[in-house]
Amino acid sequence: MAVVTLSAVIHREADLYVAECPELGTVSQGSTIEEAVGNLKEATELYLEEQAEPITVAPAILTTFSIDTANAEAA
């Protein structure tokens, strides 16, 4: 199997870190960032093992945007 570099987007939910691979849609969690990413790697490897055909992975596009929270609170 070839080595593929994927992205991990991490956010906090209560006392856990949630890690998501946007290229494939796999998600996992852990009590630390390192654990969440390690669990995501394992989940992604298992996901790819189940695929009948090789998957072509397109790089994720990450951007940011701003909102005016004053307008959001008035709604």
PDB file of N, CA and C in Angstrom:
ATOM      1  N   MET A   1       0.838  -1.170   0.000  1.00  0.00           N
ATOM      2  CA  MET A   1       0.000   0.000   0.000  1.00  0.00           C
ATOM      3  C   MET A   1       0.893   1.246   0.000  1.00  0.00           C
ATOM      4  N   ALA A   2       0.490   2.255  -0.754  1.00  0.00           N
ATOM      5  CA  ALA A   2       1.232   3.506  -0.827  1.00  0.00           C
ATOM      6  C   ALA A   2       0.931   4.362   0.397  1.00  0.00           C
ATOM      7  N   VAL A   3       1.860   5.219   0.728  1.00  0.00           N
ATOM      8  CA  VAL A   3       1.661   6.153   1.838  1.00  0.00           C
ATOM      9  C   VAL A   3       0.906   7.365   1.305  1.00  0.00           C
ATOM     10  N   VAL A   4      -0.172   7.738   1.970  1.00  0.00           N
ATOM     11  CA  VAL A   4      -0.993   8.881   1.594  1.00  0.00           C
ATOM     12  C   VAL A   4      -1.051   9.824   2.788  1.00  0.00           C
ATOM     13  N   THR A   5      -0.870  11.108   2.551  1.00  0.00           N
ATOM     14  CA  THR A   5      -0.987  12.102   3.616  1.00  0.00           C
ATOM     15  C   THR A   5      -2.387  12.698   3.562  1.00  0.00           C
ATOM     16  N   LEU A   6      -3.093  12.624   4.678  1.00  0.00           N
ATOM     17  CA  LEU A   6      -4.460  13.123   4.773  1.00  0.00           C
ATOM     18  C   LEU A   6      -4.529  14.228   5.821  1.00  0.00           C
ATOM     19  N   SER A   7      -5.638  14.937   5.841  1.00  0.00           N
ATOM     20  CA  SER A   7      -5.845  16.024   6.798  1.00  0.00           C
ATOM     21  C   SER A   7      -6.654  15.539   7.988  1.00  0.00           C
ATOM     22  N   ALA A   8      -6.443  16.188   9.117  1.00  0.00           N
ATOM     23  CA  ALA A   8      -7.266  15.943  10.304  1.00  0.00           C
ATOM     24  C   ALA A   8      -7.750  17.300  10.809  1.00  0.00           C
ATOM     25  N   VAL A   9      -9.060  17.461  10.878  1.00  0.00           N
ATOM     26  CA  VAL A   9      -9.672  18.658  11.448  1.00  0.00           C
ATOM     27  C   VAL A   9     -10.142  18.275  12.840  1.00  0.00           C
ATOM     28  N   ILE A  10      -9.706  19.037  13.840  1.00  0.00           N
ATOM     29  CA  ILE A  10      -9.974  18.666  15.234  1.00  0.00           C
ATOM     30  C   ILE A  10     -10.765  19.767  15.916  1.00  0.00           C
ATOM     31  N   HIS A  11     -11.793  19.363  16.650  1.00  0.00           N
ATOM     32  CA  HIS A  11     -12.511  20.313  17.492  1.00  0.00           C
ATOM     33  C   HIS A  11     -12.853  19.646  18.817  1.00  0.00           C
ATOM     34  N   ARG A  12     -13.178  20.456  19.777  1.00  0.00           N
ATOM     35  CA  ARG A  12     -13.458  19.959  21.132  1.00  0.00           C
ATOM     36  C   ARG A  12     -14.958  19.844  21.328  1.00  0.00           C
ATOM     37  N   GLU A  13     -15.397  18.749  21.904  1.00  0.00           N
ATOM     38  CA  GLU A  13     -16.791  18.535  22.306  1.00  0.00           C
ATOM     39  C   GLU A  13     -16.774  18.053  23.740  1.00  0.00           C
ATOM     40  N   ALA A  14     -17.228  18.905  24.653  1.00  0.00           N
ATOM     41  CA  ALA A  14     -17.219  18.593  26.089  1.00  0.00           C
ATOM     42  C   ALA A  14     -15.805  18.221  26.512  1.00  0.00           C
ATOM     43  N   ASP A  15     -15.600  16.997  26.982  1.00  0.00           N
ATOM     44  CA  ASP A  15     -14.271  16.600  27.458  1.00  0.00           C
ATOM     45  C   ASP A  15     -13.513  15.732  26.448  1.00  0.00           C
ATOM     46  N   LEU A  16     -13.952  15.718  25.195  1.00  0.00           N
ATOM     47  CA  LEU A  16     -13.296  14.922  24.159  1.00  0.00           C
ATOM     48  C   LEU A  16     -12.850  15.789  22.994  1.00  0.00           C
ATOM     49  N   TYR A  17     -11.846  15.313  22.286  1.00  0.00           N
ATOM     50  CA  TYR A  17     -11.438  15.917  21.020  1.00  0.00           C
ATOM     51  C   TYR A  17     -11.991  15.034  19.908  1.00  0.00           C
ATOM     52  N   VAL A  18     -12.601  15.659  18.908  1.00  0.00           N
ATOM     53  CA  VAL A  18     -13.147  14.951  17.761  1.00  0.00           C
ATOM     54  C   VAL A  18     -12.261  15.272  16.562  1.00  0.00           C
ATOM     55  N   ALA A  19     -11.804  14.241  15.872  1.00  0.00           N
ATOM     56  CA  ALA A  19     -10.942  14.394  14.697  1.00  0.00           C
ATOM     57  C   ALA A  19     -11.667  13.849  13.477  1.00  0.00           C
ATOM     58  N   GLU A  20     -11.652  14.631  12.398  1.00  0.00           N
ATOM     59  CA  GLU A  20     -12.314  14.227  11.158  1.00  0.00           C
ATOM     60  C   GLU A  20     -11.347  14.352   9.997  1.00  0.00           C
ATOM     61  N   CYS A  21     -11.381  13.371   9.115  1.00  0.00           N
ATOM     62  CA  CYS A  21     -10.608  13.410   7.876  1.00  0.00           C
ATOM     63  C   CYS A  21     -11.550  13.907   6.778  1.00  0.00           C
ATOM     64  N   PRO A  22     -11.401  15.168   6.337  1.00  0.00           N
ATOM     65  CA  PRO A  22     -12.340  15.706   5.353  1.00  0.00           C
ATOM     66  C   PRO A  22     -12.248  15.051   3.978  1.00  0.00           C
ATOM     67  N   GLU A  23     -11.105  14.494   3.636  1.00  0.00           N
ATOM     68  CA  GLU A  23     -10.967  13.851   2.329  1.00  0.00           C
ATOM     69  C   GLU A  23     -11.812  12.582   2.222  1.00  0.00           C
ATOM     70  N   LEU A  24     -11.961  11.852   3.324  1.00  0.00           N
ATOM     71  CA  LEU A  24     -12.673  10.562   3.279  1.00  0.00           C
ATOM     72  C   LEU A  24     -13.944  10.538   4.127  1.00  0.00           C
ATOM     73  N   GLY A  25     -14.085  11.476   5.052  1.00  0.00           N
ATOM     74  CA  GLY A  25     -15.275  11.512   5.896  1.00  0.00           C
ATOM     75  C   GLY A  25     -15.188  10.643   7.137  1.00  0.00           C
ATOM     76  N   THR A  26     -14.030  10.085   7.419  1.00  0.00           N
ATOM     77  CA  THR A  26     -13.887   9.286   8.630  1.00  0.00           C
ATOM     78  C   THR A  26     -13.757  10.208   9.841  1.00  0.00           C
ATOM     79  N   VAL A  27     -14.265   9.733  10.978  1.00  0.00           N
ATOM     80  CA  VAL A  27     -14.290  10.526  12.203  1.00  0.00           C
ATOM     81  C   VAL A  27     -13.955   9.623  13.377  1.00  0.00           C
ATOM     82  N   SER A  28     -13.249  10.176  14.364  1.00  0.00           N
ATOM     83  CA  SER A  28     -12.993   9.461  15.604  1.00  0.00           C
ATOM     84  C   SER A  28     -12.811  10.482  16.713  1.00  0.00           C
ATOM     85  N   GLN A  29     -12.553  10.006  17.909  1.00  0.00           N
ATOM     86  CA  GLN A  29     -12.416  10.906  19.055  1.00  0.00           C
ATOM     87  C   GLN A  29     -11.407  10.348  20.038  1.00  0.00           C
ATOM     88  N   GLY A  30     -11.005  11.192  20.981  1.00  0.00           N
ATOM     89  CA  GLY A  30     -10.081  10.777  22.027  1.00  0.00           C
ATOM     90  C   GLY A  30     -10.040  11.820  23.118  1.00  0.00           C
ATOM     91  N   SER A  31      -9.461  11.455  24.244  1.00  0.00           N
ATOM     92  CA  SER A  31      -9.402  12.386  25.369  1.00  0.00           C
ATOM     93  C   SER A  31      -8.273  13.398  25.214  1.00  0.00           C
ATOM     94  N   THR A  32      -7.340  13.156  24.280  1.00  0.00           N
ATOM     95  CA  THR A  32      -6.293  14.121  23.936  1.00  0.00           C
ATOM     96  C   THR A  32      -6.276  14.264  22.417  1.00  0.00           C
ATOM     97  N   ILE A  33      -5.620  15.315  21.944  1.00  0.00           N
ATOM     98  CA  ILE A  33      -5.499  15.497  20.501  1.00  0.00           C
ATOM     99  C   ILE A  33      -4.747  14.323  19.886  1.00  0.00           C
ATOM    100  N   GLU A  34      -3.673  13.920  20.524  1.00  0.00           N
ATOM    101  CA  GLU A  34      -2.862  12.811  20.000  1.00  0.00           C
ATOM    102  C   GLU A  34      -3.678  11.521  19.917  1.00  0.00           C
ATOM    103  N   GLU A  35      -4.487  11.257  20.958  1.00  0.00           N
ATOM    104  CA  GLU A  35      -5.322  10.059  20.953  1.00  0.00           C
ATOM    105  C   GLU A  35      -6.387  10.146  19.867  1.00  0.00           C
ATOM    106  N   ALA A  36      -6.989  11.316  19.695  1.00  0.00           N
ATOM    107  CA  ALA A  36      -8.011  11.485  18.662  1.00  0.00           C
ATOM    108  C   ALA A  36      -7.432  11.252  17.274  1.00  0.00           C
ATOM    109  N   VAL A  37      -6.248  11.807  17.010  1.00  0.00           N
ATOM    110  CA  VAL A  37      -5.615  11.616  15.698  1.00  0.00           C
ATOM    111  C   VAL A  37      -5.190  10.159  15.512  1.00  0.00           C
ATOM    112  N   GLY A  38      -4.673   9.533  16.551  1.00  0.00           N
ATOM    113  CA  GLY A  38      -4.317   8.113  16.459  1.00  0.00           C
ATOM    114  C   GLY A  38      -5.532   7.244  16.173  1.00  0.00           C
ATOM    115  N   ASN A  39      -6.640   7.536  16.841  1.00  0.00           N
ATOM    116  CA  ASN A  39      -7.878   6.787  16.594  1.00  0.00           C
ATOM    117  C   ASN A  39      -8.408   7.051  15.189  1.00  0.00           C
ATOM    118  N   LEU A  40      -8.266   8.295  14.715  1.00  0.00           N
ATOM    119  CA  LEU A  40      -8.692   8.627  13.350  1.00  0.00           C
ATOM    120  C   LEU A  40      -7.847   7.862  12.333  1.00  0.00           C
ATOM    121  N   LYS A  41      -6.554   7.778  12.573  1.00  0.00           N
ATOM    122  CA  LYS A  41      -5.677   7.023  11.667  1.00  0.00           C
ATOM    123  C   LYS A  41      -6.118   5.564  11.598  1.00  0.00           C
ATOM    124  N   GLU A  42      -6.388   4.976  12.753  1.00  0.00           N
ATOM    125  CA  GLU A  42      -6.836   3.575  12.783  1.00  0.00           C
ATOM    126  C   GLU A  42      -8.174   3.410  12.073  1.00  0.00           C
ATOM    127  N   ALA A  43      -9.120   4.303  12.333  1.00  0.00           N
ATOM    128  CA  ALA A  43     -10.442   4.227  11.687  1.00  0.00           C
ATOM    129  C   ALA A  43     -10.318   4.378  10.175  1.00  0.00           C
ATOM    130  N   THR A  44      -9.438   5.260   9.734  1.00  0.00           N
ATOM    131  CA  THR A  44      -9.247   5.488   8.304  1.00  0.00           C
ATOM    132  C   THR A  44      -8.591   4.280   7.639  1.00  0.00           C
ATOM    133  N   GLU A  45      -7.615   3.682   8.305  1.00  0.00           N
ATOM    134  CA  GLU A  45      -6.989   2.467   7.765  1.00  0.00           C
ATOM    135  C   GLU A  45      -8.016   1.349   7.622  1.00  0.00           C
ATOM    136  N   LEU A  46      -8.880   1.180   8.621  1.00  0.00           N
ATOM    137  CA  LEU A  46      -9.919   0.155   8.549  1.00  0.00           C
ATOM    138  C   LEU A  46     -10.910   0.454   7.426  1.00  0.00           C
ATOM    139  N   TYR A  47     -11.274   1.712   7.281  1.00  0.00           N
ATOM    140  CA  TYR A  47     -12.179   2.123   6.210  1.00  0.00           C
ATOM    141  C   TYR A  47     -11.584   1.780   4.848  1.00  0.00           C
ATOM    142  N   LEU A  48     -10.320   2.117   4.647  1.00  0.00           N
ATOM    143  CA  LEU A  48      -9.677   1.860   3.355  1.00  0.00           C
ATOM    144  C   LEU A  48      -9.516   0.370   3.076  1.00  0.00           C
ATOM    145  N   GLU A  49      -9.306  -0.444   4.119  1.00  0.00           N
ATOM    146  CA  GLU A  49      -9.205  -1.894   3.928  1.00  0.00           C
ATOM    147  C   GLU A  49     -10.504  -2.479   3.384  1.00  0.00           C
ATOM    148  N   GLU A  50     -11.630  -1.870   3.710  1.00  0.00           N
ATOM    149  CA  GLU A  50     -12.939  -2.376   3.294  1.00  0.00           C
ATOM    150  C   GLU A  50     -13.334  -1.957   1.880  1.00  0.00           C
ATOM    151  N   GLN A  51     -12.601  -1.042   1.277  1.00  0.00           N
ATOM    152  CA  GLN A  51     -12.952  -0.558  -0.056  1.00  0.00           C
ATOM    153  C   GLN A  51     -12.530  -1.568  -1.115  1.00  0.00           C
ATOM    154  N   ALA A  52     -13.443  -1.883  -2.017  1.00  0.00           N
ATOM    155  CA  ALA A  52     -13.162  -2.856  -3.070  1.00  0.00           C
ATOM    156  C   ALA A  52     -12.216  -2.286  -4.128  1.00  0.00           C
ATOM    157  N   GLU A  53     -12.335  -1.006  -4.394  1.00  0.00           N
ATOM    158  CA  GLU A  53     -11.518  -0.343  -5.405  1.00  0.00           C
ATOM    159  C   GLU A  53     -10.570   0.648  -4.731  1.00  0.00           C
ATOM    160  N   PRO A  54      -9.416   0.861  -5.313  1.00  0.00           N
ATOM    161  CA  PRO A  54      -8.513   1.887  -4.763  1.00  0.00           C
ATOM    162  C   PRO A  54      -9.191   3.259  -4.789  1.00  0.00           C
ATOM    163  N   ILE A  55      -8.918   4.058  -3.789  1.00  0.00           N
ATOM    164  CA  ILE A  55      -9.529   5.377  -3.681  1.00  0.00           C
ATOM    165  C   ILE A  55      -8.510   6.438  -4.070  1.00  0.00           C
ATOM    166  N   THR A  56      -8.944   7.362  -4.926  1.00  0.00           N
ATOM    167  CA  THR A  56      -8.119   8.511  -5.256  1.00  0.00           C
ATOM    168  C   THR A  56      -8.484   9.625  -4.287  1.00  0.00           C
ATOM    169  N   VAL A  57      -7.493  10.146  -3.603  1.00  0.00           N
ATOM    170  CA  VAL A  57      -7.743  11.159  -2.587  1.00  0.00           C
ATOM    171  C   VAL A  57      -7.352  12.523  -3.138  1.00  0.00           C
ATOM    172  N   ALA A  58      -8.335  13.425  -3.210  1.00  0.00           N
ATOM    173  CA  ALA A  58      -8.066  14.804  -3.608  1.00  0.00           C
ATOM    174  C   ALA A  58      -7.722  15.601  -2.358  1.00  0.00           C
ATOM    175  N   PRO A  59      -6.772  16.513  -2.442  1.00  0.00           N
ATOM    176  CA  PRO A  59      -6.422  17.288  -1.260  1.00  0.00           C
ATOM    177  C   PRO A  59      -7.598  18.134  -0.782  1.00  0.00           C
ATOM    178  N   ALA A  60      -7.700  18.263   0.527  1.00  0.00           N
ATOM    179  CA  ALA A  60      -8.753  19.088   1.116  1.00  0.00           C
ATOM    180  C   ALA A  60      -8.409  20.559   0.909  1.00  0.00           C
ATOM    181  N   ILE A  61      -9.439  21.365   0.792  1.00  0.00           N
ATOM    182  CA  ILE A  61      -9.264  22.809   0.711  1.00  0.00           C
ATOM    183  C   ILE A  61      -9.761  23.385   2.024  1.00  0.00           C
ATOM    184  N   LEU A  62      -8.892  24.065   2.717  1.00  0.00           N
ATOM    185  CA  LEU A  62      -9.251  24.645   4.003  1.00  0.00           C
ATOM    186  C   LEU A  62      -9.213  26.156   3.890  1.00  0.00           C
ATOM    187  N   THR A  63     -10.263  26.800   4.342  1.00  0.00           N
ATOM    188  CA  THR A  63     -10.332  28.253   4.337  1.00  0.00           C
ATOM    189  C   THR A  63     -10.989  28.713   5.627  1.00  0.00           C
ATOM    190  N   THR A  64     -11.038  29.978   5.834  1.00  0.00           N
ATOM    191  CA  THR A  64     -11.720  30.553   6.995  1.00  0.00           C
ATOM    192  C   THR A  64     -12.724  31.585   6.506  1.00  0.00           C
ATOM    193  N   PHE A  65     -13.654  31.938   7.368  1.00  0.00           N
ATOM    194  CA  PHE A  65     -14.598  32.997   7.055  1.00  0.00           C
ATOM    195  C   PHE A  65     -14.964  33.702   8.352  1.00  0.00           C
ATOM    196  N   SER A  66     -15.493  34.920   8.232  1.00  0.00           N
ATOM    197  CA  SER A  66     -15.855  35.716   9.396  1.00  0.00           C
ATOM    198  C   SER A  66     -17.348  35.996   9.383  1.00  0.00           C
ATOM    199  N   ILE A  67     -17.907  36.095  10.565  1.00  0.00           N
ATOM    200  CA  ILE A  67     -19.305  36.491  10.704  1.00  0.00           C
ATOM    201  C   ILE A  67     -19.390  37.617  11.723  1.00  0.00           C
ATOM    202  N   ASP A  68     -20.419  38.410  11.598  1.00  0.00           N
ATOM    203  CA  ASP A  68     -20.674  39.487  12.547  1.00  0.00           C
ATOM    204  C   ASP A  68     -21.603  38.934  13.617  1.00  0.00           C
ATOM    205  N   THR A  69     -21.052  38.657  14.776  1.00  0.00           N
ATOM    206  CA  THR A  69     -21.847  38.037  15.847  1.00  0.00           C
ATOM    207  C   THR A  69     -22.898  38.982  16.403  1.00  0.00           C
ATOM    208  N   ALA A  70     -22.719  40.271  16.241  1.00  0.00           N
ATOM    209  CA  ALA A  70     -23.737  41.223  16.693  1.00  0.00           C
ATOM    210  C   ALA A  70     -25.021  41.013  15.901  1.00  0.00           C
ATOM    211  N   ASN A  71     -24.907  40.780  14.592  1.00  0.00           N
ATOM    212  CA  ASN A  71     -26.096  40.527  13.759  1.00  0.00           C
ATOM    213  C   ASN A  71     -26.696  39.160  14.078  1.00  0.00           C
ATOM    214  N   ALA A  72     -25.876  38.185  14.391  1.00  0.00           N
ATOM    215  CA  ALA A  72     -26.368  36.845  14.693  1.00  0.00           C
ATOM    216  C   ALA A  72     -27.191  36.847  15.973  1.00  0.00           C
ATOM    217  N   GLU A  73     -26.788  37.644  16.965  1.00  0.00           N
ATOM    218  CA  GLU A  73     -27.507  37.703  18.235  1.00  0.00           C
ATOM    219  C   GLU A  73     -28.838  38.423  18.104  1.00  0.00           C
ATOM    220  N   ALA A  74     -28.961  39.342  17.159  1.00  0.00           N
ATOM    221  CA  ALA A  74     -30.186  40.107  16.982  1.00  0.00           C
ATOM    222  C   ALA A  74     -31.273  39.288  16.281  1.00  0.00           C
ATOM    223  N   ALA A  75     -30.889  38.232  15.585  1.00  0.00           N
ATOM    224  CA  ALA A  75     -31.858  37.444  14.809  1.00  0.00           C
ATOM    225  C   ALA A  75     -32.744  36.600  15.683  1.00  0.00           C
TER     226      ALA A  75
END
